[in-house]
Amino acid sequence: MPDSAAIWKSLNSPRRLFLIAGPCVIENEKLCRTVAASLVKTCQQLGIYYVFKASFDKANRTSGKAFRGPGIEGGLNTLAAIREEFGVPVLTDVHTEEQAKLAGEVVDILQIPAFLCRQTDLIQAAVATGKIVNLKKGQFLSPAEMGRVAEKARLAGAKKILLTERGTTFGYNNLVADMRSIPIMKSFGFPVIFDATHSVQLPGGGGDKSAGQREFAPVLASAALAVGANGLFIETHPKPDEALSDGPNMIPLGEMAATLKRLLKIFNAVR
């Protein structure tokens, strides 16, 4: 398993595409192993640097009745098992300072959710773990405002920062992905990721849950790579229509190999 310095070197390479991908939420360990095994194989064949992601707790579901995940203890056990078995870096999101501390003992990258990207104490707690921190742009922020978020992390001592674009909300159950955000956020001096699947989410569009337009995820990912995104964030599932969270915007696992092959051509063409 590569150490933090080696992981950061791969994520910071301008010549190699990296992918952060996995199911939205940890439904069970079998699902995580299935997704990881498939993506490890595909990424090795294509030369893409792969990071496994999954959430142990979805704390911002539309409905209070929705499935949130196994919780931090069971979730971190699963993430540790994936990391050990497949030898890949692992990312998960955290919502509280205590979660950041506990998750920082297990995973390689801590993710600050978009809704929480201005929570100073949470950012500081994630940075204090010494792990790589992925800051997702709030749906309510302009890309330029993410400079202030990155500055919070930097002032807290962070040197290994990732920034992720995931669309901007104008209400009415929709998001807009403005590709100008990629070069704007790259100007802050950190690798920039495009979240292809959350950008096609229709927040609250399903009544008591979010809807989505997964068919547009590869389209937006192509555009983001064409304007210079360093990496992609994609949620995937063997049967998205049966997924317990964010199914409508996830790319079917069986389509990932062909999708990544096309996206890699775009990445290489603009380098």
Protein backbone atom coordinates (compact mmCIF):
# COMPACT_ATOMS: atom_id res chain seq x y z
CA MET A 1 0.00 0.00 0.00
CA PRO A 2 1.60 3.33 -1.04
CA ASP A 3 2.20 5.90 1.67
CA SER A 4 0.65 9.37 1.74
CA ALA A 5 3.57 10.97 -0.09
CA ALA A 6 3.37 8.46 -2.93
CA ILE A 7 -0.40 8.85 -3.19
CA TRP A 8 -0.09 12.64 -3.32
CA LYS A 9 2.59 12.42 -6.00
CA SER A 10 0.25 10.36 -8.19
CA LEU A 11 -2.69 12.68 -7.61
CA ASN A 12 -0.52 15.71 -8.37
CA SER A 13 0.87 14.33 -11.63
CA PRO A 14 -0.18 16.47 -14.61
CA ARG A 15 0.34 13.60 -17.02
CA ARG A 16 -1.75 10.84 -15.43
CA LEU A 17 -5.51 10.79 -15.06
CA PHE A 18 -6.80 9.77 -11.66
CA LEU A 19 -10.22 8.44 -10.75
CA ILE A 20 -12.06 8.56 -7.44
CA ALA A 21 -14.93 6.11 -7.75
CA GLY A 22 -17.16 3.69 -5.92
CA PRO A 23 -20.72 3.34 -4.66
CA CYS A 24 -22.40 6.35 -3.10
CA VAL A 25 -22.89 4.63 0.23
CA ILE A 26 -21.59 1.41 1.80
CA GLU A 27 -24.59 -0.87 1.39
CA ASN A 28 -22.56 -3.94 2.34
CA GLU A 29 -18.99 -5.18 2.02
CA LYS A 30 -19.82 -7.45 -0.91
CA LEU A 31 -20.91 -4.48 -3.03
CA CYS A 32 -17.73 -2.57 -2.20
CA ARG A 33 -15.55 -5.55 -3.10
CA THR A 34 -17.38 -6.05 -6.40
CA VAL A 35 -16.96 -2.41 -7.40
CA ALA A 36 -13.35 -2.22 -6.25
CA ALA A 37 -12.34 -5.41 -8.04
CA SER A 38 -13.84 -4.23 -11.32
CA LEU A 39 -12.37 -0.71 -11.19
CA VAL A 40 -8.92 -1.85 -10.07
CA LYS A 41 -8.75 -4.14 -13.10
CA THR A 42 -10.01 -1.49 -15.52
CA CYS A 43 -7.75 1.26 -14.20
CA GLN A 44 -4.68 -0.98 -14.26
CA GLN A 45 -5.38 -1.81 -17.90
CA LEU A 46 -5.83 1.85 -18.84
CA GLY A 47 -3.06 3.30 -16.68
CA ILE A 48 -5.45 5.40 -14.59
CA TYR A 49 -4.59 6.01 -10.93
CA TYR A 50 -7.50 4.70 -8.86
CA VAL A 51 -8.89 5.74 -5.46
CA PHE A 52 -11.82 3.82 -3.97
CA LYS A 53 -14.61 5.91 -2.39
CA ALA A 54 -17.72 5.14 -0.39
CA SER A 55 -19.61 6.83 2.44
CA PHE A 56 -20.23 5.26 5.83
CA ASP A 57 -22.95 7.82 6.58
CA LYS A 58 -25.02 9.95 4.22
CA ALA A 59 -25.99 12.69 6.62
CA ASN A 60 -27.70 14.95 4.08
CA ARG A 61 -30.36 12.70 2.56
CA THR A 62 -33.54 14.37 1.31
CA SER A 63 -35.73 12.31 3.64
CA GLY A 64 -35.14 11.40 7.27
CA LYS A 65 -36.36 7.90 6.39
CA ALA A 66 -33.71 7.30 3.73
CA PHE A 67 -30.87 4.79 4.13
CA ARG A 68 -27.77 6.48 5.54
CA GLY A 69 -25.23 3.67 5.70
CA PRO A 70 -23.70 1.33 8.27
CA GLY A 71 -22.32 4.07 10.52
CA ILE A 72 -18.74 4.94 11.28
CA GLU A 73 -17.53 1.76 13.00
CA GLY A 74 -18.86 -0.72 10.46
CA GLY A 75 -18.11 1.60 7.58
CA LEU A 76 -14.49 2.17 8.50
CA ASN A 77 -14.01 -1.57 8.95
CA THR A 78 -15.23 -2.10 5.39
CA LEU A 79 -13.04 0.67 4.00
CA ALA A 80 -10.01 -0.74 5.82
CA ALA A 81 -10.74 -4.17 4.33
CA ILE A 82 -10.95 -2.74 0.79
CA ARG A 83 -7.72 -0.84 1.28
CA GLU A 84 -5.93 -3.94 2.53
CA GLU A 85 -7.30 -6.40 -0.03
CA PHE A 86 -6.88 -4.29 -3.15
CA GLY A 87 -3.93 -2.12 -2.18
CA VAL A 88 -5.61 1.10 -3.27
CA PRO A 89 -6.04 4.44 -1.50
CA VAL A 90 -9.45 4.97 0.07
CA LEU A 91 -11.55 8.13 0.42
CA THR A 92 -14.60 8.82 2.55
CA ASP A 93 -16.51 11.92 3.58
CA VAL A 94 -16.84 13.20 7.13
CA HIS A 95 -19.43 15.47 8.72
CA THR A 96 -18.09 16.18 12.21
CA GLU A 97 -14.74 16.80 13.85
CA GLU A 98 -14.95 13.46 15.69
CA GLN A 99 -15.64 11.61 12.45
CA ALA A 100 -12.62 13.28 10.88
CA LYS A 101 -10.39 12.12 13.71
CA LEU A 102 -11.61 8.51 13.57
CA ALA A 103 -11.68 8.24 9.77
CA GLY A 104 -8.22 9.79 9.57
CA GLU A 105 -6.86 6.70 11.33
CA VAL A 106 -8.12 4.45 8.52
CA VAL A 107 -8.48 6.19 5.16
CA ASP A 108 -6.03 8.05 2.95
CA ILE A 109 -8.20 10.97 1.86
CA LEU A 110 -10.81 12.82 3.91
CA GLN A 111 -13.55 14.55 1.96
CA ILE A 112 -15.39 17.65 3.14
CA PRO A 113 -18.95 17.47 1.72
CA ALA A 114 -20.13 20.31 -0.49
CA PHE A 115 -22.82 21.39 1.96
CA LEU A 116 -20.18 21.69 4.70
CA CYS A 117 -17.31 23.26 2.76
CA ARG A 118 -17.35 26.47 4.81
CA GLN A 119 -17.33 24.74 8.21
CA THR A 120 -14.02 25.96 9.57
CA ASP A 121 -13.81 23.58 12.53
CA LEU A 122 -14.48 20.56 10.29
CA ILE A 123 -11.82 21.61 7.80
CA GLN A 124 -9.31 22.17 10.58
CA ALA A 125 -10.08 18.76 12.10
CA ALA A 126 -9.58 17.03 8.76
CA VAL A 127 -6.29 18.85 8.17
CA ALA A 128 -5.10 17.94 11.69
CA THR A 129 -5.13 14.24 10.75
CA GLY A 130 -2.32 14.84 8.27
CA LYS A 131 -4.26 13.12 5.52
CA ILE A 132 -5.00 14.46 2.04
CA VAL A 133 -8.14 16.61 2.16
CA ASN A 134 -10.64 16.85 -0.71
CA LEU A 135 -12.73 20.02 -0.52
CA LYS A 136 -15.93 19.80 -2.54
CA LYS A 137 -17.26 23.10 -3.85
CA GLY A 138 -20.54 24.01 -2.25
CA GLN A 139 -23.50 24.11 -4.62
CA PHE A 140 -24.09 27.62 -3.30
CA LEU A 141 -20.58 28.97 -4.04
CA SER A 142 -18.99 30.46 -7.10
CA PRO A 143 -15.73 28.81 -8.16
CA ALA A 144 -13.78 31.92 -7.11
CA GLU A 145 -15.09 31.59 -3.56
CA MET A 146 -13.43 28.19 -3.25
CA GLY A 147 -10.17 30.08 -2.98
CA ARG A 148 -11.23 31.14 0.52
CA VAL A 149 -12.10 27.55 1.41
CA ALA A 150 -8.68 26.35 0.23
CA GLU A 151 -7.08 29.17 2.19
CA LYS A 152 -8.80 27.96 5.39
CA ALA A 153 -7.25 24.54 4.87
CA ARG A 154 -3.85 26.02 4.05
CA LEU A 155 -3.85 28.25 7.12
CA ALA A 156 -4.68 25.18 9.21
CA GLY A 157 -1.48 23.58 7.92
CA ALA A 158 -2.67 21.60 4.90
CA LYS A 159 -0.26 21.09 2.05
CA LYS A 160 -2.10 18.25 0.28
CA ILE A 161 -5.41 19.70 -0.91
CA LEU A 162 -7.78 18.59 -3.66
CA LEU A 163 -10.64 20.75 -4.96
CA THR A 164 -13.77 19.26 -6.51
CA GLU A 165 -16.40 20.86 -8.74
CA ARG A 166 -19.89 19.31 -8.44
CA GLY A 167 -22.27 21.82 -10.00
CA THR A 168 -24.07 24.93 -8.83
CA THR A 169 -27.68 25.10 -7.72
CA PHE A 170 -30.18 27.72 -8.77
CA GLY A 171 -33.01 25.94 -7.00
CA TYR A 172 -35.89 24.17 -8.69
CA ASN A 173 -34.30 20.71 -8.40
CA ASN A 174 -31.46 21.27 -10.81
CA LEU A 175 -27.73 21.92 -11.00
CA VAL A 176 -25.60 23.65 -13.61
CA ALA A 177 -21.97 22.68 -14.25
CA ASP A 178 -20.01 25.74 -15.37
CA MET A 179 -16.78 24.57 -16.99
CA ARG A 180 -15.11 27.90 -16.25
CA SER A 181 -14.84 26.63 -12.68
CA ILE A 182 -12.09 24.16 -13.65
CA PRO A 183 -9.45 26.73 -14.72
CA ILE A 184 -10.60 29.16 -12.03
CA MET A 185 -10.04 26.63 -9.25
CA LYS A 186 -6.82 25.35 -10.83
CA SER A 187 -5.45 28.87 -10.46
CA PHE A 188 -5.37 28.30 -6.68
CA GLY A 189 -2.51 25.83 -7.19
CA PHE A 190 -4.18 22.51 -6.32
CA PRO A 191 -5.39 19.54 -8.40
CA VAL A 192 -9.00 19.95 -9.49
CA ILE A 193 -11.47 17.09 -9.77
CA PHE A 194 -14.77 17.05 -11.61
CA ASP A 195 -17.61 15.16 -9.92
CA ALA A 196 -19.44 13.85 -12.96
CA THR A 197 -22.28 12.04 -11.22
CA HIS A 198 -23.31 14.55 -8.55
CA SER A 199 -23.28 17.25 -11.23
CA VAL A 200 -26.18 15.50 -12.99
CA GLN A 201 -28.15 15.07 -9.79
CA LEU A 202 -31.60 16.65 -9.56
CA PRO A 203 -31.69 17.52 -5.83
CA GLY A 204 -35.03 16.62 -4.30
CA GLY A 205 -36.34 15.93 -7.80
CA GLY A 206 -37.80 12.60 -6.76
CA GLY A 207 -40.06 13.98 -4.08
CA ASP A 208 -38.64 12.30 -0.98
CA LYS A 209 -35.31 11.67 -2.71
CA SER A 210 -33.08 13.14 -5.39
CA ALA A 211 -33.42 12.24 -9.04
CA GLY A 212 -30.73 12.39 -11.70
CA GLN A 213 -29.75 12.22 -15.36
CA ARG A 214 -26.94 9.68 -15.49
CA GLU A 215 -26.84 9.77 -19.29
CA PHE A 216 -25.19 13.20 -19.11
CA ALA A 217 -22.42 12.25 -16.66
CA PRO A 218 -19.97 11.13 -19.39
CA VAL A 219 -20.82 14.25 -21.41
CA LEU A 220 -19.92 16.61 -18.58
CA ALA A 221 -16.86 14.53 -17.66
CA SER A 222 -15.63 14.88 -21.25
CA ALA A 223 -16.04 18.64 -21.13
CA ALA A 224 -14.27 18.91 -17.76
CA LEU A 225 -11.25 16.94 -18.98
CA ALA A 226 -11.13 19.00 -22.16
CA VAL A 227 -10.72 22.19 -20.10
CA GLY A 228 -8.05 20.74 -17.85
CA ALA A 229 -9.53 18.78 -14.93
CA ASN A 230 -6.85 16.64 -13.27
CA GLY A 231 -9.16 13.86 -12.14
CA LEU A 232 -12.70 12.56 -12.07
CA PHE A 233 -15.08 11.61 -9.28
CA ILE A 234 -17.68 9.07 -10.39
CA GLU A 235 -20.17 7.06 -8.40
CA THR A 236 -21.01 3.66 -9.82
CA HIS A 237 -23.05 0.58 -8.95
CA PRO A 238 -23.70 -2.81 -10.61
CA LYS A 239 -27.44 -2.05 -10.58
CA PRO A 240 -27.94 1.71 -10.10
CA ASP A 241 -31.73 1.45 -10.20
CA GLU A 242 -31.54 -0.75 -7.09
CA ALA A 243 -28.95 1.42 -5.26
CA LEU A 244 -29.89 2.71 -1.83
CA SER A 245 -28.58 6.22 -2.53
CA ASP A 246 -28.11 8.39 -5.64
CA GLY A 247 -28.94 5.61 -8.09
CA PRO A 248 -30.39 7.88 -10.81
CA ASN A 249 -27.11 9.69 -11.36
CA MET A 250 -24.68 6.76 -11.01
CA ILE A 251 -23.03 5.15 -14.03
CA PRO A 252 -23.65 1.38 -14.25
CA LEU A 253 -20.50 -0.53 -13.32
CA GLY A 254 -20.70 -2.53 -16.54
CA GLU A 255 -20.33 0.69 -18.55
CA MET A 256 -17.36 2.06 -16.68
CA ALA A 257 -14.58 0.43 -18.71
CA ALA A 258 -15.82 1.76 -22.04
CA THR A 259 -16.62 5.16 -20.52
CA LEU A 260 -13.17 5.53 -18.97
CA LYS A 261 -11.46 4.45 -22.18
CA ARG A 262 -13.20 7.28 -24.06
CA LEU A 263 -12.51 9.81 -21.31
CA LEU A 264 -8.83 8.88 -21.16
CA LYS A 265 -8.45 9.74 -24.85
CA ILE A 266 -9.71 13.26 -24.13
CA PHE A 267 -7.42 13.63 -21.13
CA ASN A 268 -4.39 12.55 -23.15
CA ALA A 269 -5.32 14.73 -26.13
CA VAL A 270 -5.20 17.96 -24.14
CA ARG A 271 -2.00 17.18 -22.21
